[in-house]
Amino acid sequence: MSNPGDIGDPIRVFIFDDHKIILWGLEHLIESAAPLMHWVGSADKRDEIVGRVLATSPDVVVLDVDVGEADGTEVVRHLVRESGARVLILTGRQDPDLYQRAMMCGASGVVQTQESPDTLLRAIERVAVGEVWLNRAVIGRVIEALAGGRRPQDDEALKIASLTDRERKIIAVAIENKGARNKVIADQLHISEHTLRNHLAAIYRKLGVNGRIELYLYAVSHGLNTHLC
């Protein structure tokens, strides 16, 4: 996979949408962003996505999940695991459960089809360098969904109180650098990646979250950090 942050190295973008007219428009939108971005391939059938992504090695996959009756989030898990590409969800649905499922499956962000083309291009650019893209409207819905199923407030307060000062610092740096690689965070904390992984494992266990995406959502919803995209 390319390093989209390098000078002269465009962000390689793959697009999935089952509406051919929309697909055509998205392809031309990406091409209009040259030399920053380069369209490397598309698919309009779900069973073609993984194979074509593996063949084209994109940095970012723009994935329309509004296909048929299924929400398409399971495809995200396969793409992230098998290709290593970052997945940006495109949806017209006002469905916080969908947003939550997509992020838990490994998506790097959500863009709604009601938003402007410039917003989609900015989201692709941010996701390509490892950041998480959740605008205020989307993250508000995700937090609301999480809040509906979490434990009583006192129980959550006990979880947060169990964090050490060092762990709180790690959370703050991790959220400040949302989507960054562990090495970047470890360097800022002046610790090794191995030590960082041990700290993160302890934090995940204490807060009852699974991974950096859930930690980000938990931290925002509980006031541990309020930085948003």
C-alpha atoms as a PDB file:
ATOM      1  CA  MET A   1       0.000   0.000   0.000  1.00  0.00           C
ATOM      2  CA  SER A   2       1.219   3.497  -0.755  1.00  0.00           C
ATOM      3  CA  ASN A   3       2.084   6.146   1.810  1.00  0.00           C
ATOM      4  CA  PRO A   4      -0.396   8.912   0.948  1.00  0.00           C
ATOM      5  CA  GLY A   5       1.425  11.432   3.085  1.00  0.00           C
ATOM      6  CA  ASP A   6       4.467  11.348   0.814  1.00  0.00           C
ATOM      7  CA  ILE A   7       4.971  14.258  -1.576  1.00  0.00           C
ATOM      8  CA  GLY A   8       3.774  13.368  -5.064  1.00  0.00           C
ATOM      9  CA  ASP A   9       2.122  10.155  -3.904  1.00  0.00           C
ATOM     10  CA  PRO A  10      -1.658  10.468  -4.393  1.00  0.00           C
ATOM     11  CA  ILE A  11      -4.232   8.840  -2.155  1.00  0.00           C
ATOM     12  CA  ARG A  12      -5.416   5.705  -3.929  1.00  0.00           C
ATOM     13  CA  VAL A  13      -9.214   5.494  -3.702  1.00  0.00           C
ATOM     14  CA  PHE A  14     -11.532   2.572  -4.460  1.00  0.00           C
ATOM     15  CA  ILE A  15     -15.306   3.090  -4.627  1.00  0.00           C
ATOM     16  CA  PHE A  16     -18.239   0.755  -4.102  1.00  0.00           C
ATOM     17  CA  ASP A  17     -21.799   1.751  -4.949  1.00  0.00           C
ATOM     18  CA  ASP A  18     -24.507  -0.331  -6.570  1.00  0.00           C
ATOM     19  CA  HIS A  19     -25.983   2.694  -8.362  1.00  0.00           C
ATOM     20  CA  LYS A  20     -23.983   3.132 -11.562  1.00  0.00           C
ATOM     21  CA  ILE A  21     -24.841   6.807 -12.011  1.00  0.00           C
ATOM     22  CA  ILE A  22     -23.703   7.605  -8.461  1.00  0.00           C
ATOM     23  CA  LEU A  23     -20.613   5.457  -8.984  1.00  0.00           C
ATOM     24  CA  TRP A  24     -19.752   7.422 -12.125  1.00  0.00           C
ATOM     25  CA  GLY A  25     -20.162  10.694 -10.243  1.00  0.00           C
ATOM     26  CA  LEU A  26     -17.951   9.546  -7.371  1.00  0.00           C
ATOM     27  CA  GLU A  27     -15.251   8.375  -9.769  1.00  0.00           C
ATOM     28  CA  HIS A  28     -15.179  11.786 -11.444  1.00  0.00           C
ATOM     29  CA  LEU A  29     -15.196  13.548  -8.076  1.00  0.00           C
ATOM     30  CA  ILE A  30     -12.074  11.642  -7.019  1.00  0.00           C
ATOM     31  CA  GLU A  31     -10.366  12.307 -10.345  1.00  0.00           C
ATOM     32  CA  SER A  32     -11.177  16.016  -9.975  1.00  0.00           C
ATOM     33  CA  ALA A  33      -9.095  15.998  -6.777  1.00  0.00           C
ATOM     34  CA  ALA A  34      -5.891  15.070  -8.636  1.00  0.00           C
ATOM     35  CA  PRO A  35      -3.020  15.160  -7.904  1.00  0.00           C
ATOM     36  CA  LEU A  36      -4.016  14.667  -4.253  1.00  0.00           C
ATOM     37  CA  MET A  37      -6.185  11.639  -5.054  1.00  0.00           C
ATOM     38  CA  HIS A  38      -6.295   8.941  -7.693  1.00  0.00           C
ATOM     39  CA  TRP A  39      -9.232   6.649  -8.475  1.00  0.00           C
ATOM     40  CA  VAL A  40      -7.896   3.080  -8.768  1.00  0.00           C
ATOM     41  CA  GLY A  41     -11.052   1.021  -9.173  1.00  0.00           C
ATOM     42  CA  SER A  42     -14.724   0.459  -8.483  1.00  0.00           C
ATOM     43  CA  ALA A  43     -17.302  -2.245  -7.923  1.00  0.00           C
ATOM     44  CA  ASP A  44     -21.082  -2.217  -8.149  1.00  0.00           C
ATOM     45  CA  LYS A  45     -21.683  -5.738  -6.812  1.00  0.00           C
ATOM     46  CA  ARG A  46     -20.979  -6.653  -3.209  1.00  0.00           C
ATOM     47  CA  ASP A  47     -19.426 -10.032  -4.014  1.00  0.00           C
ATOM     48  CA  GLU A  48     -16.791  -8.286  -6.166  1.00  0.00           C
ATOM     49  CA  ILE A  49     -15.545  -5.813  -3.563  1.00  0.00           C
ATOM     50  CA  VAL A  50     -12.887  -7.768  -1.682  1.00  0.00           C
ATOM     51  CA  GLY A  51     -11.297  -9.281  -4.793  1.00  0.00           C
ATOM     52  CA  ARG A  52     -11.069  -5.964  -6.602  1.00  0.00           C
ATOM     53  CA  VAL A  53      -9.750  -4.152  -3.548  1.00  0.00           C
ATOM     54  CA  LEU A  54      -7.004  -6.755  -3.156  1.00  0.00           C
ATOM     55  CA  ALA A  55      -6.157  -6.368  -6.850  1.00  0.00           C
ATOM     56  CA  THR A  56      -5.915  -2.562  -6.760  1.00  0.00           C
ATOM     57  CA  SER A  57      -4.356  -1.957  -3.293  1.00  0.00           C
ATOM     58  CA  PRO A  58      -6.157   1.288  -2.421  1.00  0.00           C
ATOM     59  CA  ASP A  59      -5.374   3.439   0.597  1.00  0.00           C
ATOM     60  CA  VAL A  60      -9.054   4.238   1.164  1.00  0.00           C
ATOM     61  CA  VAL A  61     -12.232   2.382   0.218  1.00  0.00           C
ATOM     62  CA  VAL A  62     -15.380   4.513  -0.023  1.00  0.00           C
ATOM     63  CA  LEU A  63     -18.124   2.004   0.740  1.00  0.00           C
ATOM     64  CA  ASP A  64     -21.826   2.654   0.230  1.00  0.00           C
ATOM     65  CA  VAL A  65     -23.539   0.378   2.757  1.00  0.00           C
ATOM     66  CA  ASP A  66     -27.097   1.182   1.621  1.00  0.00           C
ATOM     67  CA  VAL A  67     -27.341  -1.921  -0.553  1.00  0.00           C
ATOM     68  CA  GLY A  68     -30.337  -4.228  -0.432  1.00  0.00           C
ATOM     69  CA  GLU A  69     -31.781  -5.291   2.900  1.00  0.00           C
ATOM     70  CA  ALA A  70     -28.440  -5.900   4.626  1.00  0.00           C
ATOM     71  CA  ASP A  71     -26.485  -2.904   5.920  1.00  0.00           C
ATOM     72  CA  GLY A  72     -23.142  -4.043   4.500  1.00  0.00           C
ATOM     73  CA  THR A  73     -21.116  -3.512   7.657  1.00  0.00           C
ATOM     74  CA  GLU A  74     -19.798  -7.084   7.677  1.00  0.00           C
ATOM     75  CA  VAL A  75     -17.976  -6.286   4.427  1.00  0.00           C
ATOM     76  CA  VAL A  76     -16.011  -3.680   6.392  1.00  0.00           C
ATOM     77  CA  ARG A  77     -14.553  -6.357   8.651  1.00  0.00           C
ATOM     78  CA  HIS A  78     -13.364  -8.412   5.666  1.00  0.00           C
ATOM     79  CA  LEU A  79     -11.848  -5.405   3.907  1.00  0.00           C
ATOM     80  CA  VAL A  80      -9.944  -4.202   6.961  1.00  0.00           C
ATOM     81  CA  ARG A  81      -8.683  -7.675   7.819  1.00  0.00           C
ATOM     82  CA  GLU A  82      -7.729  -8.818   4.319  1.00  0.00           C
ATOM     83  CA  SER A  83      -6.551  -5.631   2.597  1.00  0.00           C
ATOM     84  CA  GLY A  84      -5.454  -3.259   5.342  1.00  0.00           C
ATOM     85  CA  ALA A  85      -7.214  -0.419   3.513  1.00  0.00           C
ATOM     86  CA  ARG A  86      -9.035   2.223   5.517  1.00  0.00           C
ATOM     87  CA  VAL A  87     -12.783   2.109   4.975  1.00  0.00           C
ATOM     88  CA  LEU A  88     -14.949   5.217   4.804  1.00  0.00           C
ATOM     89  CA  ILE A  89     -18.670   4.513   5.056  1.00  0.00           C
ATOM     90  CA  LEU A  90     -21.054   6.388   2.759  1.00  0.00           C
ATOM     91  CA  THR A  91     -24.711   6.254   3.760  1.00  0.00           C
ATOM     92  CA  GLY A  92     -27.952   8.151   3.449  1.00  0.00           C
ATOM     93  CA  ARG A  93     -29.497   6.416   6.446  1.00  0.00           C
ATOM     94  CA  GLN A  94     -30.110   8.228   9.736  1.00  0.00           C
ATOM     95  CA  ASP A  95     -29.307   5.122  11.747  1.00  0.00           C
ATOM     96  CA  PRO A  96     -27.041   5.396  14.824  1.00  0.00           C
ATOM     97  CA  ASP A  97     -26.996   1.607  15.153  1.00  0.00           C
ATOM     98  CA  LEU A  98     -25.568   1.368  11.638  1.00  0.00           C
ATOM     99  CA  TYR A  99     -22.862   3.932  12.431  1.00  0.00           C
ATOM    100  CA  GLN A 100     -21.950   2.067  15.597  1.00  0.00           C
ATOM    101  CA  ARG A 101     -21.799  -1.333  13.866  1.00  0.00           C
ATOM    102  CA  ALA A 102     -19.650   0.073  11.072  1.00  0.00           C
ATOM    103  CA  MET A 103     -17.141   1.609  13.477  1.00  0.00           C
ATOM    104  CA  MET A 104     -17.008  -1.537  15.593  1.00  0.00           C
ATOM    105  CA  CYS A 105     -16.263  -3.549  12.442  1.00  0.00           C
ATOM    106  CA  GLY A 106     -13.234  -1.360  11.756  1.00  0.00           C
ATOM    107  CA  ALA A 107     -14.485   1.534   9.614  1.00  0.00           C
ATOM    108  CA  SER A 108     -12.438   4.719   9.900  1.00  0.00           C
ATOM    109  CA  GLY A 109     -15.354   7.078   9.477  1.00  0.00           C
ATOM    110  CA  VAL A 110     -18.865   7.818   8.241  1.00  0.00           C
ATOM    111  CA  VAL A 111     -19.992  10.377   5.665  1.00  0.00           C
ATOM    112  CA  GLN A 112     -23.660  10.946   4.956  1.00  0.00           C
ATOM    113  CA  THR A 113     -24.795  11.327   1.353  1.00  0.00           C
ATOM    114  CA  GLN A 114     -26.551  14.575   2.288  1.00  0.00           C
ATOM    115  CA  GLU A 115     -23.163  16.206   2.840  1.00  0.00           C
ATOM    116  CA  SER A 116     -21.212  18.149   0.226  1.00  0.00           C
ATOM    117  CA  PRO A 117     -18.656  16.659  -2.193  1.00  0.00           C
ATOM    118  CA  ASP A 118     -15.961  18.741  -0.467  1.00  0.00           C
ATOM    119  CA  THR A 119     -16.837  17.061   2.834  1.00  0.00           C
ATOM    120  CA  LEU A 120     -16.326  13.633   1.280  1.00  0.00           C
ATOM    121  CA  LEU A 121     -12.951  14.680  -0.141  1.00  0.00           C
ATOM    122  CA  ARG A 122     -11.843  16.069   3.225  1.00  0.00           C
ATOM    123  CA  ALA A 123     -12.943  12.855   4.919  1.00  0.00           C
ATOM    124  CA  ILE A 124     -10.936  10.742   2.463  1.00  0.00           C
ATOM    125  CA  GLU A 125      -7.869  12.905   3.040  1.00  0.00           C
ATOM    126  CA  ARG A 126      -8.133  12.655   6.834  1.00  0.00           C
ATOM    127  CA  VAL A 127      -8.851   8.921   6.867  1.00  0.00           C
ATOM    128  CA  ALA A 128      -5.927   8.248   4.505  1.00  0.00           C
ATOM    129  CA  VAL A 129      -3.455   9.564   7.087  1.00  0.00           C
ATOM    130  CA  GLY A 130      -4.937   7.438   9.850  1.00  0.00           C
ATOM    131  CA  GLU A 131      -7.467   9.769  11.436  1.00  0.00           C
ATOM    132  CA  VAL A 132     -11.066   8.984  12.338  1.00  0.00           C
ATOM    133  CA  TRP A 133     -13.779  10.944  10.514  1.00  0.00           C
ATOM    134  CA  LEU A 134     -16.930  11.472  12.522  1.00  0.00           C
ATOM    135  CA  ASN A 135     -18.646  14.818  12.169  1.00  0.00           C
ATOM    136  CA  ARG A 136     -20.531  16.261  15.119  1.00  0.00           C
ATOM    137  CA  ALA A 137     -23.921  15.093  13.908  1.00  0.00           C
ATOM    138  CA  VAL A 138     -22.752  11.512  13.371  1.00  0.00           C
ATOM    139  CA  ILE A 139     -20.760  11.193  16.576  1.00  0.00           C
ATOM    140  CA  GLY A 140     -23.692  12.595  18.518  1.00  0.00           C
ATOM    141  CA  ARG A 141     -25.883   9.793  17.203  1.00  0.00           C
ATOM    142  CA  VAL A 142     -23.244   7.150  17.952  1.00  0.00           C
ATOM    143  CA  ILE A 143     -22.810   8.440  21.500  1.00  0.00           C
ATOM    144  CA  GLU A 144     -26.575   8.475  21.963  1.00  0.00           C
ATOM    145  CA  ALA A 145     -26.739   4.855  20.823  1.00  0.00           C
ATOM    146  CA  LEU A 146     -23.950   3.845  23.182  1.00  0.00           C
ATOM    147  CA  ALA A 147     -25.543   5.734  26.054  1.00  0.00           C
ATOM    148  CA  GLY A 148     -28.790   3.836  25.584  1.00  0.00           C
ATOM    149  CA  GLY A 149     -27.146   0.520  26.383  1.00  0.00           C
ATOM    150  CA  ARG A 150     -24.505   1.357  28.952  1.00  0.00           C
ATOM    151  CA  ARG A 151     -24.556   0.602  32.659  1.00  0.00           C
ATOM    152  CA  PRO A 152     -25.832   3.002  35.340  1.00  0.00           C
ATOM    153  CA  GLN A 153     -23.882   6.216  35.772  1.00  0.00           C
ATOM    154  CA  ASP A 154     -22.400   5.224  39.129  1.00  0.00           C
ATOM    155  CA  ASP A 155     -20.966   2.063  37.600  1.00  0.00           C
ATOM    156  CA  GLU A 156     -19.342   4.062  34.807  1.00  0.00           C
ATOM    157  CA  ALA A 157     -17.921   6.517  37.337  1.00  0.00           C
ATOM    158  CA  LEU A 158     -16.250   3.614  39.134  1.00  0.00           C
ATOM    159  CA  LYS A 159     -14.672   2.449  35.890  1.00  0.00           C
ATOM    160  CA  ILE A 160     -13.280   5.901  35.168  1.00  0.00           C
ATOM    161  CA  ALA A 161     -12.088   6.327  38.752  1.00  0.00           C
ATOM    162  CA  SER A 162     -10.082   3.105  38.418  1.00  0.00           C
ATOM    163  CA  LEU A 163      -7.848   4.728  35.782  1.00  0.00           C
ATOM    164  CA  THR A 164      -4.416   5.848  36.916  1.00  0.00           C
ATOM    165  CA  ASP A 165      -3.074   9.300  36.047  1.00  0.00           C
ATOM    166  CA  ARG A 166      -0.744   7.633  33.551  1.00  0.00           C
ATOM    167  CA  GLU A 167      -3.645   5.831  31.891  1.00  0.00           C
ATOM    168  CA  ARG A 168      -5.623   9.072  31.660  1.00  0.00           C
ATOM    169  CA  LYS A 169      -2.625  10.694  29.980  1.00  0.00           C
ATOM    170  CA  ILE A 170      -2.401   7.822  27.490  1.00  0.00           C
ATOM    171  CA  ILE A 171      -6.109   8.161  26.698  1.00  0.00           C
ATOM    172  CA  ALA A 172      -5.709  11.910  26.137  1.00  0.00           C
ATOM    173  CA  VAL A 173      -2.767  11.431  23.763  1.00  0.00           C
ATOM    174  CA  ALA A 174      -4.486   8.548  21.944  1.00  0.00           C
ATOM    175  CA  ILE A 175      -7.640  10.595  21.374  1.00  0.00           C
ATOM    176  CA  GLU A 176      -5.658  13.691  20.401  1.00  0.00           C
ATOM    177  CA  ASN A 177      -3.985  11.521  17.751  1.00  0.00           C
ATOM    178  CA  LYS A 178      -7.082   9.519  16.840  1.00  0.00           C
ATOM    179  CA  GLY A 179      -6.305   7.027  14.108  1.00  0.00           C
ATOM    180  CA  ALA A 180      -2.526   7.463  14.392  1.00  0.00           C
ATOM    181  CA  ARG A 181      -0.297   4.415  14.555  1.00  0.00           C
ATOM    182  CA  ASN A 182       0.821   3.159  17.955  1.00  0.00           C
ATOM    183  CA  LYS A 183       4.389   4.271  17.242  1.00  0.00           C
ATOM    184  CA  VAL A 184       3.293   7.914  16.941  1.00  0.00           C
ATOM    185  CA  ILE A 185       1.496   7.763  20.283  1.00  0.00           C
ATOM    186  CA  ALA A 186       4.330   5.870  21.968  1.00  0.00           C
ATOM    187  CA  ASP A 187       6.874   8.438  20.754  1.00  0.00           C
ATOM    188  CA  GLN A 188       4.819  11.297  22.195  1.00  0.00           C
ATOM    189  CA  LEU A 189       4.622   9.482  25.525  1.00  0.00           C
ATOM    190  CA  HIS A 190       8.343   8.569  25.413  1.00  0.00           C
ATOM    191  CA  ILE A 191       7.607   4.873  25.876  1.00  0.00           C
ATOM    192  CA  SER A 192       8.021   1.785  23.702  1.00  0.00           C
ATOM    193  CA  GLU A 193       5.210   0.408  21.553  1.00  0.00           C
ATOM    194  CA  HIS A 194       5.235  -2.741  23.705  1.00  0.00           C
ATOM    195  CA  THR A 195       4.685  -0.685  26.859  1.00  0.00           C
ATOM    196  CA  LEU A 196       1.937   1.298  25.137  1.00  0.00           C
ATOM    197  CA  ARG A 197       0.144  -1.899  24.113  1.00  0.00           C
ATOM    198  CA  ASN A 198       0.271  -3.130  27.710  1.00  0.00           C
ATOM    199  CA  HIS A 199      -1.188   0.149  28.977  1.00  0.00           C
ATOM    200  CA  LEU A 200      -3.921   0.122  26.329  1.00  0.00           C
ATOM    201  CA  ALA A 201      -4.838  -3.467  27.186  1.00  0.00           C
ATOM    202  CA  ALA A 202      -5.281  -2.447  30.833  1.00  0.00           C
ATOM    203  CA  ILE A 203      -7.365   0.585  29.825  1.00  0.00           C
ATOM    204  CA  TYR A 204      -9.599  -1.498  27.545  1.00  0.00           C
ATOM    205  CA  ARG A 205     -10.134  -4.006  30.350  1.00  0.00           C
ATOM    206  CA  LYS A 206     -11.011  -1.346  32.924  1.00  0.00           C
ATOM    207  CA  LEU A 207     -13.433   0.526  30.665  1.00  0.00           C
ATOM    208  CA  GLY A 208     -14.923  -2.535  28.996  1.00  0.00           C
ATOM    209  CA  VAL A 209     -14.070  -1.436  25.454  1.00  0.00           C
ATOM    210  CA  ASN A 210     -12.536  -3.277  22.535  1.00  0.00           C
ATOM    211  CA  GLY A 211      -9.902  -1.302  20.688  1.00  0.00           C
ATOM    212  CA  ARG A 212      -9.088   2.294  19.856  1.00  0.00           C
ATOM    213  CA  ILE A 213     -12.362   3.129  18.077  1.00  0.00           C
ATOM    214  CA  GLU A 214     -14.469   2.114  21.083  1.00  0.00           C
ATOM    215  CA  LEU A 215     -12.038   3.932  23.384  1.00  0.00           C
ATOM    216  CA  TYR A 216     -12.467   7.109  21.309  1.00  0.00           C
ATOM    217  CA  LEU A 217     -16.261   6.894  21.460  1.00  0.00           C
ATOM    218  CA  TYR A 218     -16.222   6.092  25.180  1.00  0.00           C
ATOM    219  CA  ALA A 219     -13.841   8.955  25.961  1.00  0.00           C
ATOM    220  CA  VAL A 220     -15.956  11.485  24.070  1.00  0.00           C
ATOM    221  CA  SER A 221     -19.252  10.298  25.540  1.00  0.00           C
ATOM    222  CA  HIS A 222     -17.883  10.353  29.107  1.00  0.00           C
ATOM    223  CA  GLY A 223     -16.017  13.629  28.925  1.00  0.00           C
ATOM    224  CA  LEU A 224     -12.519  12.135  29.028  1.00  0.00           C
ATOM    225  CA  ASN A 225     -11.752  14.048  25.859  1.00  0.00           C
ATOM    226  CA  THR A 226     -13.906  16.293  23.686  1.00  0.00           C
ATOM    227  CA  HIS A 227     -11.833  16.580  20.489  1.00  0.00           C
ATOM    228  CA  LEU A 228     -14.000  15.939  17.435  1.00  0.00           C
ATOM    229  CA  CYS A 229     -13.354  15.848  13.703  1.00  0.00           C
END
